[in-house]
Amino acid sequence: MKTKESAFLHWAKTRPKVKYDLALSGILNLPIAELHFNANELELHGDNAYGYRQLVDALATHRHVAPETVVTIAGGTSIANHLAMAALIEHGDEVMIEQPTYDPLLAVAEYLGARIKRFQRRFEDRFAIHVDALADQITPQTRLIVLTNLHNPSSALVDNKTLKKIGVLAGQIGARVLVDEVYLEAIVDHPPPSAISLGSEFVATSSLTKGYGLSGLRCGWILAEPALANQMRRLDDIFGASAPNVMERLSVRAIAQLPKIAARAKLILETNRKTLSAFFNSRDDVEVVPTKFGTTSFPRLPKVNVENFCALLLEKYDTAVVPGRFFESPQHIRIGMCCEPDKFSAGVERLGQALDDLR
């Protein structure tokens, strides 16, 4: 039997620790001392059989949706995607997944026995989705279309006009559209609404992990039309009885403080994005689709062996990026703009030194 796994997550969990970590895709972890809460408010147990009510309401307010559309997930976006796909497809169903994409999305679809087809998000097109090309690939057997927004790995934004067109395509054949929105949380000023506001064809997943430095809370969610959301809650019964209530209560406190927490994230991202933009502008051996939003960038290095480059960065410069092979793009690297700005600046300087070494 073929082993079911995510090569990327295994790499991410087992890679060496480095001083200059540009492989992170989530904002620098928030120290618990900065998550102000009263310990007397915390309990190990609570009424949370199908989601702790205070957390459901807080997430509904945060994403501007009705509470009955919110399914809380104790496991972040990855588990949310797993549960959503398990509810939306059957073994043998045809599933369309963007390329390149986040490796666990492919792994989960494969694990569930889907027949996977791909639609392209090409570097040359700034990682846009061409709806006409997607329409040519969809068949009456397509049950699910899967994409990330912001795009992982490039941070490209899919606008509402494009999403609506994809929703129309899905509606014509009775399919759904699953949108992993975890990186939308990194857009602090005037974030777009969740895709579920565009129609019942859409299902959205997200968490507090990437945009706020709150990965330790493992607070994830699915947004879906009420009947489907209830179906997902019932399906989750076979995965786990209930979430840790102490983490749910801490998540409620965190959501109440999101403006302050988001301001911290915004400062880190804006500072690091300027540093990275200056670096790209100084190089003639790096090609990139500039990012306005998000925590990552996905440049192409056409003149070097990327595996050798990543090894050199690690061994000589104590610096890490994500090799593009984990996103089906071997000439690319993914750079995360998530660590302390002084360390990020030093890490970017080392990127340039390693590129110069390989010239």
Foldseek 3Di string as FASTA:
>chain_A
DDDQDQPVVVCVVPPDAFLQEQADFAFAADPVVVLDDDPVLFDQDDPQQQHDVLLLVLVCVVQVHDSLQKGKDQAWQLVVLLLLVVLQDAAAFEEEEEALAQRSNVSSCVVRNYDYDYAYQDVVNLRAGDLVSVLVPDDLRHAEYEAEACGPPARNHHDLVNLLSVLVSCVVNVHAYEYEDAQLLQPLPPRDHDSVVSDQSYKYKYAPGGRQNHVVLSIIIMGHPNVSSVVSSVVCVVVDRGHRRRSSSSVSSCSVVVVVRNVVSVVLQVLLLVLVVVLVVVDPQKAFSRHPTRFKHKIFRVPAQQVVLQVCCCPPVSYHWAQCVSRVRRRITMTGSHDGSVSSNSSSVSSVVSVVVGD
